[in-house]
Protein backbone atom coordinates (compact mmCIF):
# COMPACT_ATOMS: atom_id res chain seq x y z
CA UNK A 1 0.00 0.00 0.00
CA UNK A 2 1.11 3.54 -0.70
CA UNK A 3 1.62 6.28 1.91
CA UNK A 4 -1.95 7.54 1.50
CA UNK A 5 -3.39 4.01 1.64
CA UNK A 6 -1.36 3.20 4.76
CA UNK A 7 -2.58 6.31 6.57
CA UNK A 8 -6.21 5.46 5.79
CA UNK A 9 -5.85 1.81 6.80
CA UNK A 10 -3.82 2.49 9.95
CA UNK A 11 -6.23 5.25 10.92
CA UNK A 12 -9.07 2.71 10.93
CA UNK A 13 -7.15 -0.18 12.51
CA UNK A 14 -5.07 1.74 15.05
CA UNK A 15 -6.74 4.14 17.54
CA UNK A 16 -6.01 7.79 16.72
C-alpha atoms as a PDB file:
ATOM      1  CA  UNK A   1       0.000   0.000   0.000  1.00  0.00           C
ATOM      2  CA  UNK A   2       1.115   3.538  -0.696  1.00  0.00           C
ATOM      3  CA  UNK A   3       1.621   6.277   1.905  1.00  0.00           C
ATOM      4  CA  UNK A   4      -1.952   7.537   1.500  1.00  0.00           C
ATOM      5  CA  UNK A   5      -3.390   4.011   1.640  1.00  0.00           C
ATOM      6  CA  UNK A   6      -1.357   3.203   4.762  1.00  0.00           C
ATOM      7  CA  UNK A   7      -2.583   6.315   6.570  1.00  0.00           C
ATOM      8  CA  UNK A   8      -6.205   5.460   5.795  1.00  0.00           C
ATOM      9  CA  UNK A   9      -5.848   1.811   6.798  1.00  0.00           C
ATOM     10  CA  UNK A  10      -3.816   2.494   9.948  1.00  0.00           C
ATOM     11  CA  UNK A  11      -6.235   5.254  10.916  1.00  0.00           C
ATOM     12  CA  UNK A  12      -9.075   2.710  10.930  1.00  0.00           C
ATOM     13  CA  UNK A  13      -7.146  -0.177  12.509  1.00  0.00           C
ATOM     14  CA  UNK A  14      -5.069   1.736  15.055  1.00  0.00           C
ATOM     15  CA  UNK A  15      -6.737   4.143  17.536  1.00  0.00           C
ATOM     16  CA  UNK A  16      -6.012   7.791  16.717  1.00  0.00           C
END
